[in-house]
Amino acid sequence: MVTSKPQVEEQTSDQDNGRYLESSPIPETIIAAPAAPKPDFRLEKWGLISVIILIVIVLLWQVRDGVWDLISLVGDQEAVSAYLISYGAWGPLALAVAQLLQVLVAVIPGHVFLIAAGYVYGFWPGLILNMICIVAASQLGFALARWAGRPVVDRLADKETLDKWYAIGEKQGFMFFTIAFVLPMFPTDMMNFVAGLTGIRGTQFLAANILGRLPSAIMLTMIGAYGIRFESWHWVTIGLLAAVVYIIGRTVVYRIEKQHEND
């Protein structure tokens, strides 16, 4: 005769195990292995910017005497022209460095370089050289602002002015920056950095850069190339055109600012 006692003992054992499991504390969380640290892209970005700045400083240090001499002559067109001629085949490179600094450091007057290029190299070579230099420098300022962001641009202009032009540029985009480069009322060098903060595409800014800078580049290069052969009526015409551009510019700036205030 087979008894069921072992089954009773087995059931009792299972019940005891169940009570043990119920009474045993179950951890609410499972400690996972520490995740791998995420790369800090901000540190990588600033590290790369620091390397680029260091390279630029080293290059400028190598040509410091020549660049400083050229900058010290910016108020004298004839002196700038003579200086470029003295560099011979390296003159265009010296002009490119000077115009790059002029765009990035707005305190340097740029019109003297444009006139000097026309005087030394003639109208068409001077115009092409001027456009390549100033457009490339502007695109560099645009890229620097887009890469480095607002903290760097804040060091170049007061916050109120920067906020105003940023808000206008963000809304009007290509047309605004084209007008800003055409009209002398706008701080064109600062506009390179403002554009880099807005949503305008790089190709759009390049088009605005070329279209906006071309009229003044043509006029100043022409003055350098043909100024000594201009007759009185040429200068009167240039003066009248400059006055018309100034009046139109003031009107456009006033309307843009009023529209911004109303918005």
Foldseek 3Di string as FASTA:
>chain_A
DDDCVVVVVVVVVVVVVVVVVVPDDDDPDDDDDDDDDDDDVLVVLVVVVVVVVVVVVVVCVVCVVLLVVLQVCLVPLVVNLVSLVVVPPCSLVSLLVNLLCCLVPVVRDDLSSLLSLLQNPNQPVSLVSVLVSNLVSLLVLLVVLLSNHDVVLCVVDPPVVLVLVLVLCQVPPLVVLLLLLQAPVHSNSSVSNSNSHHPHDSVSNSVSSNNNNNVSSNVSSCCNNCVVVDDPVVVVVVVVVNVVSNVVSVVVVVVSSVVSVVD
